[in-house]
Amino acid sequence: MSLPLPDYDNLPVGSLQHRIRSLTTDEVQQLLDYEQEHNDRPQVVTILSQRLEELHNGAVPSQGRQLDDPVETEGTSHGSPVDPSGSPQPMHPPRHGTGELPGKPKADRPRKQ
């Protein structure tokens, strides 16, 4: 059975709502029937049912195409751009005073009388 969304069973639920926007009423119904027969995930059934209702009430499928890759992988570099050489040197404030006004050890302070 060929479904209107590539790799439908592995799509994250979060991207499904956006991916079905370009589907026709028949295509959404096909996904809903498939979902109810196979996985029957309540959240997915709700999303598909709501989209079907929107289409029956006059919504028009959006322009666009379905990609073979999930939406979440678009534009990612598949690695961390973080490099330890780009880290700043650790900066620890002085225990007493600041760099311009260094603190004085207690021995150098005048005694209170």
PDB file of N, CA and C in Angstrom:
ATOM      1  N   MET A   1       0.847  -1.188   0.000  1.00  0.00           N
ATOM      2  CA  MET A   1       0.000   0.000   0.000  1.00  0.00           C
ATOM      3  C   MET A   1       0.887   1.244   0.000  1.00  0.00           C
ATOM      4  N   SER A   2       0.645   2.132  -0.924  1.00  0.00           N
ATOM      5  CA  SER A   2       1.408   3.370  -1.028  1.00  0.00           C
ATOM      6  C   SER A   2       0.622   4.494  -0.350  1.00  0.00           C
ATOM      7  N   LEU A   3       1.267   5.145   0.621  1.00  0.00           N
ATOM      8  CA  LEU A   3       0.618   6.230   1.353  1.00  0.00           C
ATOM      9  C   LEU A   3       1.031   7.580   0.766  1.00  0.00           C
ATOM     10  N   PRO A   4       0.200   8.608   0.923  1.00  0.00           N
ATOM     11  CA  PRO A   4       0.503   9.917   0.354  1.00  0.00           C
ATOM     12  C   PRO A   4       1.697  10.624   0.988  1.00  0.00           C
ATOM     13  N   LEU A   5       2.108  10.209   2.176  1.00  0.00           N
ATOM     14  CA  LEU A   5       3.282  10.801   2.820  1.00  0.00           C
ATOM     15  C   LEU A   5       4.408   9.782   2.849  1.00  0.00           C
ATOM     16  N   PRO A   6       5.565  10.137   2.307  1.00  0.00           N
ATOM     17  CA  PRO A   6       6.696   9.215   2.350  1.00  0.00           C
ATOM     18  C   PRO A   6       7.082   8.898   3.795  1.00  0.00           C
ATOM     19  N   ASP A   7       7.364   7.641   4.074  1.00  0.00           N
ATOM     20  CA  ASP A   7       7.834   7.194   5.390  1.00  0.00           C
ATOM     21  C   ASP A   7       6.876   7.612   6.513  1.00  0.00           C
ATOM     22  N   TYR A   8       5.577   7.507   6.243  1.00  0.00           N
ATOM     23  CA  TYR A   8       4.544   7.954   7.182  1.00  0.00           C
ATOM     24  C   TYR A   8       4.716   7.365   8.585  1.00  0.00           C
ATOM     25  N   ASP A   9       5.011   6.071   8.677  1.00  0.00           N
ATOM     26  CA  ASP A   9       5.091   5.421   9.985  1.00  0.00           C
ATOM     27  C   ASP A   9       6.225   5.955  10.859  1.00  0.00           C
ATOM     28  N   ASN A  10       7.215   6.583  10.261  1.00  0.00           N
ATOM     29  CA  ASN A  10       8.350   7.091  11.027  1.00  0.00           C
ATOM     30  C   ASN A  10       8.326   8.600  11.212  1.00  0.00           C
ATOM     31  N   LEU A  11       7.283   9.261  10.745  1.00  0.00           N
ATOM     32  CA  LEU A  11       7.190  10.712  10.902  1.00  0.00           C
ATOM     33  C   LEU A  11       6.885  11.064  12.351  1.00  0.00           C
ATOM     34  N   PRO A  12       7.565  12.074  12.903  1.00  0.00           N
ATOM     35  CA  PRO A  12       7.216  12.524  14.246  1.00  0.00           C
ATOM     36  C   PRO A  12       5.822  13.153  14.240  1.00  0.00           C
ATOM     37  N   VAL A  13       5.077  12.938  15.296  1.00  0.00           N
ATOM     38  CA  VAL A  13       3.712  13.460  15.389  1.00  0.00           C
ATOM     39  C   VAL A  13       3.715  14.974  15.236  1.00  0.00           C
ATOM     40  N   GLY A  14       4.740  15.638  15.757  1.00  0.00           N
ATOM     41  CA  GLY A  14       4.807  17.099  15.690  1.00  0.00           C
ATOM     42  C   GLY A  14       4.853  17.656  14.283  1.00  0.00           C
ATOM     43  N   SER A  15       5.407  16.914  13.327  1.00  0.00           N
ATOM     44  CA  SER A  15       5.490  17.427  11.963  1.00  0.00           C
ATOM     45  C   SER A  15       4.291  16.994  11.115  1.00  0.00           C
ATOM     46  N   LEU A  16       3.518  16.060  11.592  1.00  0.00           N
ATOM     47  CA  LEU A  16       2.408  15.518  10.816  1.00  0.00           C
ATOM     48  C   LEU A  16       1.373  16.578  10.474  1.00  0.00           C
ATOM     49  N   GLN A  17       1.040  17.417  11.432  1.00  0.00           N
ATOM     50  CA  GLN A  17       0.012  18.435  11.227  1.00  0.00           C
ATOM     51  C   GLN A  17       0.395  19.359  10.072  1.00  0.00           C
ATOM     52  N   HIS A  18       1.668  19.663   9.922  1.00  0.00           N
ATOM     53  CA  HIS A  18       2.118  20.542   8.857  1.00  0.00           C
ATOM     54  C   HIS A  18       2.257  19.797   7.531  1.00  0.00           C
ATOM     55  N   ARG A  19       2.629  18.538   7.606  1.00  0.00           N
ATOM     56  CA  ARG A  19       2.841  17.756   6.389  1.00  0.00           C
ATOM     57  C   ARG A  19       1.530  17.415   5.680  1.00  0.00           C
ATOM     58  N   ILE A  20       0.421  17.351   6.400  1.00  0.00           N
ATOM     59  CA  ILE A  20      -0.850  16.972   5.773  1.00  0.00           C
ATOM     60  C   ILE A  20      -1.573  18.169   5.163  1.00  0.00           C
ATOM     61  N   ARG A  21      -1.067  19.366   5.324  1.00  0.00           N
ATOM     62  CA  ARG A  21      -1.741  20.561   4.811  1.00  0.00           C
ATOM     63  C   ARG A  21      -1.917  20.538   3.294  1.00  0.00           C
ATOM     64  N   SER A  22      -1.005  19.883   2.579  1.00  0.00           N
ATOM     65  CA  SER A  22      -1.087  19.882   1.117  1.00  0.00           C
ATOM     66  C   SER A  22      -1.867  18.690   0.568  1.00  0.00           C
ATOM     67  N   LEU A  23      -2.385  17.841   1.449  1.00  0.00           N
ATOM     68  CA  LEU A  23      -3.090  16.634   0.999  1.00  0.00           C
ATOM     69  C   LEU A  23      -4.564  16.915   0.719  1.00  0.00           C
ATOM     70  N   THR A  24      -5.113  16.154  -0.207  1.00  0.00           N
ATOM     71  CA  THR A  24      -6.536  16.259  -0.539  1.00  0.00           C
ATOM     72  C   THR A  24      -7.368  15.504   0.503  1.00  0.00           C
ATOM     73  N   THR A  25      -8.677  15.665   0.397  1.00  0.00           N
ATOM     74  CA  THR A  25      -9.586  14.966   1.303  1.00  0.00           C
ATOM     75  C   THR A  25      -9.386  13.459   1.232  1.00  0.00           C
ATOM     76  N   ASP A  26      -9.281  12.924   0.024  1.00  0.00           N
ATOM     77  CA  ASP A  26      -9.105  11.478  -0.153  1.00  0.00           C
ATOM     78  C   ASP A  26      -7.791  10.992   0.458  1.00  0.00           C
ATOM     79  N   GLU A  27      -6.731  11.791   0.315  1.00  0.00           N
ATOM     80  CA  GLU A  27      -5.426  11.397   0.859  1.00  0.00           C
ATOM     81  C   GLU A  27      -5.426  11.406   2.385  1.00  0.00           C
ATOM     82  N   VAL A  28      -6.064  12.418   2.979  1.00  0.00           N
ATOM     83  CA  VAL A  28      -6.155  12.467   4.437  1.00  0.00           C
ATOM     84  C   VAL A  28      -7.009  11.309   4.941  1.00  0.00           C
ATOM     85  N   GLN A  29      -8.079  11.008   4.239  1.00  0.00           N
ATOM     86  CA  GLN A  29      -8.932   9.876   4.621  1.00  0.00           C
ATOM     87  C   GLN A  29      -8.155   8.570   4.530  1.00  0.00           C
ATOM     88  N   GLN A  30      -7.330   8.426   3.506  1.00  0.00           N
ATOM     89  CA  GLN A  30      -6.501   7.227   3.365  1.00  0.00           C
ATOM     90  C   GLN A  30      -5.545   7.087   4.561  1.00  0.00           C
ATOM     91  N   LEU A  31      -4.924   8.200   4.975  1.00  0.00           N
ATOM     92  CA  LEU A  31      -4.033   8.155   6.139  1.00  0.00           C
ATOM     93  C   LEU A  31      -4.803   7.820   7.413  1.00  0.00           C
ATOM     94  N   LEU A  32      -5.992   8.400   7.566  1.00  0.00           N
ATOM     95  CA  LEU A  32      -6.801   8.141   8.758  1.00  0.00           C
ATOM     96  C   LEU A  32      -7.199   6.668   8.818  1.00  0.00           C
ATOM     97  N   ASP A  33      -7.632   6.114   7.708  1.00  0.00           N
ATOM     98  CA  ASP A  33      -7.992   4.687   7.675  1.00  0.00           C
ATOM     99  C   ASP A  33      -6.790   3.816   8.014  1.00  0.00           C
ATOM    100  N   TYR A  34      -5.649   4.153   7.437  1.00  0.00           N
ATOM    101  CA  TYR A  34      -4.418   3.393   7.697  1.00  0.00           C
ATOM    102  C   TYR A  34      -4.028   3.480   9.173  1.00  0.00           C
ATOM    103  N   GLU A  35      -4.117   4.698   9.720  1.00  0.00           N
ATOM    104  CA  GLU A  35      -3.747   4.899  11.131  1.00  0.00           C
ATOM    105  C   GLU A  35      -4.659   4.095  12.046  1.00  0.00           C
ATOM    106  N   GLN A  36      -5.940   4.116  11.796  1.00  0.00           N
ATOM    107  CA  GLN A  36      -6.882   3.398  12.647  1.00  0.00           C
ATOM    108  C   GLN A  36      -6.702   1.884  12.542  1.00  0.00           C
ATOM    109  N   GLU A  37      -6.267   1.395  11.403  1.00  0.00           N
ATOM    110  CA  GLU A  37      -6.048  -0.041  11.229  1.00  0.00           C
ATOM    111  C   GLU A  37      -4.717  -0.516  11.814  1.00  0.00           C
ATOM    112  N   HIS A  38      -3.724   0.363  11.841  1.00  0.00           N
ATOM    113  CA  HIS A  38      -2.383  -0.072  12.238  1.00  0.00           C
ATOM    114  C   HIS A  38      -1.975   0.421  13.624  1.00  0.00           C
ATOM    115  N   ASN A  39      -1.642   1.677  13.747  1.00  0.00           N
ATOM    116  CA  ASN A  39      -1.100   2.194  15.013  1.00  0.00           C
ATOM    117  C   ASN A  39      -2.180   2.684  15.969  1.00  0.00           C
ATOM    118  N   ASP A  40      -3.198   3.324  15.427  1.00  0.00           N
ATOM    119  CA  ASP A  40      -4.323   3.870  16.191  1.00  0.00           C
ATOM    120  C   ASP A  40      -3.861   4.763  17.342  1.00  0.00           C
ATOM    121  N   ARG A  41      -2.951   5.697  17.015  1.00  0.00           N
ATOM    122  CA  ARG A  41      -2.466   6.663  18.014  1.00  0.00           C
ATOM    123  C   ARG A  41      -3.511   7.760  18.177  1.00  0.00           C
ATOM    124  N   PRO A  42      -4.024   7.955  19.382  1.00  0.00           N
ATOM    125  CA  PRO A  42      -5.114   8.928  19.578  1.00  0.00           C
ATOM    126  C   PRO A  42      -4.763  10.336  19.083  1.00  0.00           C
ATOM    127  N   GLN A  43      -3.553  10.784  19.320  1.00  0.00           N
ATOM    128  CA  GLN A  43      -3.159  12.135  18.912  1.00  0.00           C
ATOM    129  C   GLN A  43      -3.157  12.262  17.382  1.00  0.00           C
ATOM    130  N   VAL A  44      -2.675  11.241  16.693  1.00  0.00           N
ATOM    131  CA  VAL A  44      -2.632  11.270  15.231  1.00  0.00           C
ATOM    132  C   VAL A  44      -4.042  11.182  14.652  1.00  0.00           C
ATOM    133  N   VAL A  45      -4.873  10.324  15.225  1.00  0.00           N
ATOM    134  CA  VAL A  45      -6.266  10.206  14.759  1.00  0.00           C
ATOM    135  C   VAL A  45      -6.966  11.555  14.916  1.00  0.00           C
ATOM    136  N   THR A  46      -6.732  12.246  16.013  1.00  0.00           N
ATOM    137  CA  THR A  46      -7.338  13.559  16.238  1.00  0.00           C
ATOM    138  C   THR A  46      -6.870  14.559  15.188  1.00  0.00           C
ATOM    139  N   ILE A  47      -5.556  14.611  14.920  1.00  0.00           N
ATOM    140  CA  ILE A  47      -5.008  15.549  13.931  1.00  0.00           C
ATOM    141  C   ILE A  47      -5.608  15.289  12.556  1.00  0.00           C
ATOM    142  N   LEU A  48      -5.643  14.029  12.148  1.00  0.00           N
ATOM    143  CA  LEU A  48      -6.180  13.685  10.833  1.00  0.00           C
ATOM    144  C   LEU A  48      -7.679  13.960  10.754  1.00  0.00           C
ATOM    145  N   SER A  49      -8.416  13.654  11.817  1.00  0.00           N
ATOM    146  CA  SER A  49      -9.865  13.902  11.834  1.00  0.00           C
ATOM    147  C   SER A  49     -10.165  15.397  11.746  1.00  0.00           C
ATOM    148  N   GLN A  50      -9.380  16.199  12.478  1.00  0.00           N
ATOM    149  CA  GLN A  50      -9.589  17.651  12.430  1.00  0.00           C
ATOM    150  C   GLN A  50      -9.303  18.203  11.037  1.00  0.00           C
ATOM    151  N   ARG A  51      -8.247  17.697  10.393  1.00  0.00           N
ATOM    152  CA  ARG A  51      -7.932  18.170   9.039  1.00  0.00           C
ATOM    153  C   ARG A  51      -9.035  17.763   8.053  1.00  0.00           C
ATOM    154  N   LEU A  52      -9.556  16.556   8.211  1.00  0.00           N
ATOM    155  CA  LEU A  52     -10.670  16.124   7.351  1.00  0.00           C
ATOM    156  C   LEU A  52     -11.870  17.047   7.519  1.00  0.00           C
ATOM    157  N   GLU A  53     -12.165  17.393   8.738  1.00  0.00           N
ATOM    158  CA  GLU A  53     -13.288  18.292   9.009  1.00  0.00           C
ATOM    159  C   GLU A  53     -13.046  19.655   8.363  1.00  0.00           C
ATOM    160  N   GLU A  54     -11.801  20.162   8.461  1.00  0.00           N
ATOM    161  CA  GLU A  54     -11.468  21.450   7.831  1.00  0.00           C
ATOM    162  C   GLU A  54     -11.689  21.374   6.323  1.00  0.00           C
ATOM    163  N   LEU A  55     -11.241  20.281   5.717  1.00  0.00           N
ATOM    164  CA  LEU A  55     -11.397  20.126   4.269  1.00  0.00           C
ATOM    165  C   LEU A  55     -12.869  20.018   3.877  1.00  0.00           C
ATOM    166  N   HIS A  56     -13.678  19.325   4.673  1.00  0.00           N
ATOM    167  CA  HIS A  56     -15.119  19.217   4.392  1.00  0.00           C
ATOM    168  C   HIS A  56     -15.821  20.567   4.559  1.00  0.00           C
ATOM    169  N   ASN A  57     -15.245  21.433   5.406  1.00  0.00           N
ATOM    170  CA  ASN A  57     -15.844  22.748   5.648  1.00  0.00           C
ATOM    171  C   ASN A  57     -15.305  23.820   4.708  1.00  0.00           C
ATOM    172  N   GLY A  58     -14.565  23.423   3.666  1.00  0.00           N
ATOM    173  CA  GLY A  58     -14.142  24.390   2.659  1.00  0.00           C
ATOM    174  C   GLY A  58     -12.664  24.714   2.620  1.00  0.00           C
ATOM    175  N   ALA A  59     -11.868  24.163   3.496  1.00  0.00           N
ATOM    176  CA  ALA A  59     -10.424  24.419   3.448  1.00  0.00           C
ATOM    177  C   ALA A  59      -9.861  23.842   2.151  1.00  0.00           C
ATOM    178  N   VAL A  60      -8.843  24.484   1.639  1.00  0.00           N
ATOM    179  CA  VAL A  60      -8.210  24.060   0.394  1.00  0.00           C
ATOM    180  C   VAL A  60      -6.798  23.583   0.711  1.00  0.00           C
ATOM    181  N   PRO A  61      -6.373  22.465   0.124  1.00  0.00           N
ATOM    182  CA  PRO A  61      -4.995  22.011   0.358  1.00  0.00           C
ATOM    183  C   PRO A  61      -4.006  23.088  -0.059  1.00  0.00           C
ATOM    184  N   SER A  62      -2.963  23.268   0.744  1.00  0.00           N
ATOM    185  CA  SER A  62      -1.967  24.288   0.446  1.00  0.00           C
ATOM    186  C   SER A  62      -1.066  23.842  -0.692  1.00  0.00           C
ATOM    187  N   GLN A  63      -0.415  24.792  -1.296  1.00  0.00           N
ATOM    188  CA  GLN A  63       0.555  24.477  -2.339  1.00  0.00           C
ATOM    189  C   GLN A  63       1.795  23.910  -1.668  1.00  0.00           C
ATOM    190  N   GLY A  64       2.460  23.038  -2.317  1.00  0.00           N
ATOM    191  CA  GLY A  64       3.671  22.463  -1.745  1.00  0.00           C
ATOM    192  C   GLY A  64       3.813  21.030  -2.188  1.00  0.00           C
ATOM    193  N   ARG A  65       4.918  20.451  -1.786  1.00  0.00           N
ATOM    194  CA  ARG A  65       5.169  19.065  -2.144  1.00  0.00           C
ATOM    195  C   ARG A  65       5.652  18.330  -0.906  1.00  0.00           C
ATOM    196  N   GLN A  66       5.483  17.040  -0.928  1.00  0.00           N
ATOM    197  CA  GLN A  66       5.949  16.226   0.182  1.00  0.00           C
ATOM    198  C   GLN A  66       7.376  15.787  -0.100  1.00  0.00           C
ATOM    199  N   LEU A  67       8.244  15.969   0.877  1.00  0.00           N
ATOM    200  CA  LEU A  67       9.644  15.606   0.727  1.00  0.00           C
ATOM    201  C   LEU A  67       9.877  14.190   1.201  1.00  0.00           C
ATOM    202  N   ASP A  68      10.916  13.583   0.660  1.00  0.00           N
ATOM    203  CA  ASP A  68      11.275  12.242   1.105  1.00  0.00           C
ATOM    204  C   ASP A  68      11.889  12.261   2.496  1.00  0.00           C
ATOM    205  N   ASP A  69      12.533  13.366   2.863  1.00  0.00           N
ATOM    206  CA  ASP A  69      13.177  13.473   4.174  1.00  0.00           C
ATOM    207  C   ASP A  69      12.227  14.151   5.150  1.00  0.00           C
ATOM    208  N   PRO A  70      12.264  13.768   6.412  1.00  0.00           N
ATOM    209  CA  PRO A  70      11.437  14.455   7.401  1.00  0.00           C
ATOM    210  C   PRO A  70      11.821  15.929   7.497  1.00  0.00           C
ATOM    211  N   VAL A  71      10.859  16.776   7.840  1.00  0.00           N
ATOM    212  CA  VAL A  71      11.078  18.208   7.946  1.00  0.00           C
ATOM    213  C   VAL A  71      12.194  18.535   8.930  1.00  0.00           C
ATOM    214  N   GLU A  72      12.295  17.781   9.993  1.00  0.00           N
ATOM    215  CA  GLU A  72      13.255  18.090  11.038  1.00  0.00           C
ATOM    216  C   GLU A  72      14.710  18.012  10.588  1.00  0.00           C
ATOM    217  N   THR A  73      14.997  17.345   9.476  1.00  0.00           N
ATOM    218  CA  THR A  73      16.384  17.206   9.046  1.00  0.00           C
ATOM    219  C   THR A  73      16.810  18.271   8.060  1.00  0.00           C
ATOM    220  N   GLU A  74      15.898  19.143   7.645  1.00  0.00           N
ATOM    221  CA  GLU A  74      16.260  20.169   6.685  1.00  0.00           C
ATOM    222  C   GLU A  74      17.152  21.216   7.330  1.00  0.00           C
ATOM    223  N   GLY A  75      18.235  21.544   6.642  1.00  0.00           N
ATOM    224  CA  GLY A  75      19.083  22.648   7.079  1.00  0.00           C
ATOM    225  C   GLY A  75      19.939  22.383   8.295  1.00  0.00           C
ATOM    226  N   THR A  76      20.067  21.170   8.735  1.00  0.00           N
ATOM    227  CA  THR A  76      20.924  20.890   9.880  1.00  0.00           C
ATOM    228  C   THR A  76      22.279  20.428   9.389  1.00  0.00           C
ATOM    229  N   SER A  77      23.307  20.726  10.153  1.00  0.00           N
ATOM    230  CA  SER A  77      24.658  20.372   9.728  1.00  0.00           C
ATOM    231  C   SER A  77      25.078  19.000  10.237  1.00  0.00           C
ATOM    232  N   HIS A  78      24.240  18.357  11.022  1.00  0.00           N
ATOM    233  CA  HIS A  78      24.519  17.015  11.542  1.00  0.00           C
ATOM    234  C   HIS A  78      25.816  16.968  12.328  1.00  0.00           C
ATOM    235  N   GLY A  79      26.050  17.932  13.116  1.00  0.00           N
ATOM    236  CA  GLY A  79      27.234  17.968  13.956  1.00  0.00           C
ATOM    237  C   GLY A  79      27.206  19.245  14.771  1.00  0.00           C
ATOM    238  N   SER A  80      27.981  19.287  15.796  1.00  0.00           N
ATOM    239  CA  SER A  80      27.997  20.455  16.649  1.00  0.00           C
ATOM    240  C   SER A  80      29.014  21.468  16.138  1.00  0.00           C
ATOM    241  N   PRO A  81      28.595  22.737  15.981  1.00  0.00           N
ATOM    242  CA  PRO A  81      29.551  23.758  15.568  1.00  0.00           C
ATOM    243  C   PRO A  81      30.433  24.227  16.722  1.00  0.00           C
ATOM    244  N   VAL A  82      30.185  23.706  17.905  1.00  0.00           N
ATOM    245  CA  VAL A  82      30.934  24.128  19.082  1.00  0.00           C
ATOM    246  C   VAL A  82      32.331  23.525  19.045  1.00  0.00           C
ATOM    247  N   ASP A  83      33.330  24.369  19.250  1.00  0.00           N
ATOM    248  CA  ASP A  83      34.715  23.935  19.247  1.00  0.00           C
ATOM    249  C   ASP A  83      35.374  24.493  20.517  1.00  0.00           C
ATOM    250  N   PRO A  84      36.034  23.655  21.311  1.00  0.00           N
ATOM    251  CA  PRO A  84      36.640  24.150  22.551  1.00  0.00           C
ATOM    252  C   PRO A  84      37.626  25.293  22.327  1.00  0.00           C
ATOM    253  N   SER A  85      38.245  25.377  21.143  1.00  0.00           N
ATOM    254  CA  SER A  85      39.207  26.455  20.904  1.00  0.00           C
ATOM    255  C   SER A  85      38.526  27.817  20.846  1.00  0.00           C
ATOM    256  N   GLY A  86      37.217  27.842  20.624  1.00  0.00           N
ATOM    257  CA  GLY A  86      36.490  29.103  20.571  1.00  0.00           C
ATOM    258  C   GLY A  86      35.984  29.563  21.925  1.00  0.00           C
ATOM    259  N   SER A  87      36.225  28.792  22.949  1.00  0.00           N
ATOM    260  CA  SER A  87      35.747  29.155  24.282  1.00  0.00           C
ATOM    261  C   SER A  87      36.609  30.260  24.878  1.00  0.00           C
ATOM    262  N   PRO A  88      36.015  31.198  25.594  1.00  0.00           N
ATOM    263  CA  PRO A  88      36.816  32.239  26.240  1.00  0.00           C
ATOM    264  C   PRO A  88      37.611  31.654  27.401  1.00  0.00           C
ATOM    265  N   GLN A  89      38.667  32.352  27.752  1.00  0.00           N
ATOM    266  CA  GLN A  89      39.449  31.941  28.914  1.00  0.00           C
ATOM    267  C   GLN A  89      38.587  32.127  30.154  1.00  0.00           C
ATOM    268  N   PRO A  90      38.701  31.214  31.110  1.00  0.00           N
ATOM    269  CA  PRO A  90      37.894  31.396  32.318  1.00  0.00           C
ATOM    270  C   PRO A  90      38.277  32.693  33.027  1.00  0.00           C
ATOM    271  N   MET A  91      37.269  33.397  33.478  1.00  0.00           N
ATOM    272  CA  MET A  91      37.526  34.660  34.169  1.00  0.00           C
ATOM    273  C   MET A  91      36.972  34.544  35.577  1.00  0.00           C
ATOM    274  N   HIS A  92      37.855  34.618  36.501  1.00  0.00           N
ATOM    275  CA  HIS A  92      37.431  34.554  37.892  1.00  0.00           C
ATOM    276  C   HIS A  92      37.685  35.913  38.523  1.00  0.00           C
ATOM    277  N   PRO A  93      36.673  36.515  39.078  1.00  0.00           N
ATOM    278  CA  PRO A  93      36.901  37.825  39.699  1.00  0.00           C
ATOM    279  C   PRO A  93      37.835  37.681  40.903  1.00  0.00           C
ATOM    280  N   PRO A  94      38.627  38.724  41.181  1.00  0.00           N
ATOM    281  CA  PRO A  94      39.513  38.645  42.344  1.00  0.00           C
ATOM    282  C   PRO A  94      38.696  38.497  43.626  1.00  0.00           C
ATOM    283  N   ARG A  95      39.287  37.877  44.607  1.00  0.00           N
ATOM    284  CA  ARG A  95      38.575  37.650  45.858  1.00  0.00           C
ATOM    285  C   ARG A  95      38.248  38.945  46.570  1.00  0.00           C
ATOM    286  N   HIS A  96      39.107  39.943  46.414  1.00  0.00           N
ATOM    287  CA  HIS A  96      38.884  41.228  47.090  1.00  0.00           C
ATOM    288  C   HIS A  96      39.125  42.335  46.094  1.00  0.00           C
ATOM    289  N   GLY A  97      38.160  43.194  45.888  1.00  0.00           N
ATOM    290  CA  GLY A  97      38.333  44.321  44.993  1.00  0.00           C
ATOM    291  C   GLY A  97      38.133  43.930  43.537  1.00  0.00           C
ATOM    292  N   THR A  98      38.623  44.799  42.651  1.00  0.00           N
ATOM    293  CA  THR A  98      38.547  44.559  41.213  1.00  0.00           C
ATOM    294  C   THR A  98      39.944  44.664  40.635  1.00  0.00           C
ATOM    295  N   GLY A  99      40.050  44.474  39.314  1.00  0.00           N
ATOM    296  CA  GLY A  99      41.354  44.558  38.662  1.00  0.00           C
ATOM    297  C   GLY A  99      41.985  45.933  38.818  1.00  0.00           C
ATOM    298  N   GLU A 100      41.154  46.991  38.737  1.00  0.00           N
ATOM    299  CA  GLU A 100      41.668  48.358  38.867  1.00  0.00           C
ATOM    300  C   GLU A 100      41.910  48.729  40.333  1.00  0.00           C
ATOM    301  N   LEU A 101      41.130  48.149  41.218  1.00  0.00           N
ATOM    302  CA  LEU A 101      41.245  48.465  42.651  1.00  0.00           C
ATOM    303  C   LEU A 101      41.466  47.165  43.424  1.00  0.00           C
ATOM    304  N   PRO A 102      42.715  46.715  43.456  1.00  0.00           N
ATOM    305  CA  PRO A 102      42.945  45.451  44.144  1.00  0.00           C
ATOM    306  C   PRO A 102      42.657  45.545  45.641  1.00  0.00           C
ATOM    307  N   GLY A 103      42.209  44.453  46.184  1.00  0.00           N
ATOM    308  CA  GLY A 103      41.977  44.402  47.619  1.00  0.00           C
ATOM    309  C   GLY A 103      43.302  44.347  48.386  1.00  0.00           C
ATOM    310  N   LYS A 104      43.236  44.712  49.620  1.00  0.00           N
ATOM    311  CA  LYS A 104      44.440  44.698  50.447  1.00  0.00           C
ATOM    312  C   LYS A 104      44.321  43.581  51.472  1.00  0.00           C
ATOM    313  N   PRO A 105      45.407  42.909  51.695  1.00  0.00           N
ATOM    314  CA  PRO A 105      45.365  41.896  52.747  1.00  0.00           C
ATOM    315  C   PRO A 105      45.099  42.539  54.103  1.00  0.00           C
ATOM    316  N   LYS A 106      44.539  41.795  55.016  1.00  0.00           N
ATOM    317  CA  LYS A 106      44.192  42.333  56.331  1.00  0.00           C
ATOM    318  C   LYS A 106      45.408  42.863  57.065  1.00  0.00           C
ATOM    319  N   ALA A 107      46.557  42.299  56.838  1.00  0.00           N
ATOM    320  CA  ALA A 107      47.758  42.729  57.559  1.00  0.00           C
ATOM    321  C   ALA A 107      48.156  44.146  57.190  1.00  0.00           C
ATOM    322  N   ASP A 108      47.805  44.613  55.993  1.00  0.00           N
ATOM    323  CA  ASP A 108      48.177  45.962  55.561  1.00  0.00           C
ATOM    324  C   ASP A 108      47.147  47.010  55.953  1.00  0.00           C
ATOM    325  N   ARG A 109      46.047  46.624  56.527  1.00  0.00           N
ATOM    326  CA  ARG A 109      45.013  47.571  56.888  1.00  0.00           C
ATOM    327  C   ARG A 109      45.358  48.206  58.241  1.00  0.00           C
ATOM    328  N   PRO A 110      44.999  49.465  58.354  1.00  0.00           N
ATOM    329  CA  PRO A 110      45.202  50.072  59.677  1.00  0.00           C
ATOM    330  C   PRO A 110      44.235  49.458  60.670  1.00  0.00           C
ATOM    331  N   ARG A 111      44.702  49.293  61.868  1.00  0.00           N
ATOM    332  CA  ARG A 111      43.876  48.698  62.917  1.00  0.00           C
ATOM    333  C   ARG A 111      42.915  49.721  63.488  1.00  0.00           C
ATOM    334  N   LYS A 112      41.721  49.237  63.740  1.00  0.00           N
ATOM    335  CA  LYS A 112      40.719  50.091  64.392  1.00  0.00           C
ATOM    336  C   LYS A 112      40.989  50.077  65.887  1.00  0.00           C
ATOM    337  N   GLN A 113      40.818  51.178  66.465  1.00  0.00           N
ATOM    338  CA  GLN A 113      41.064  51.220  67.903  1.00  0.00           C
ATOM    339  C   GLN A 113      39.862  51.554  68.696  1.00  0.00           C
TER     340      GLN A 113
END
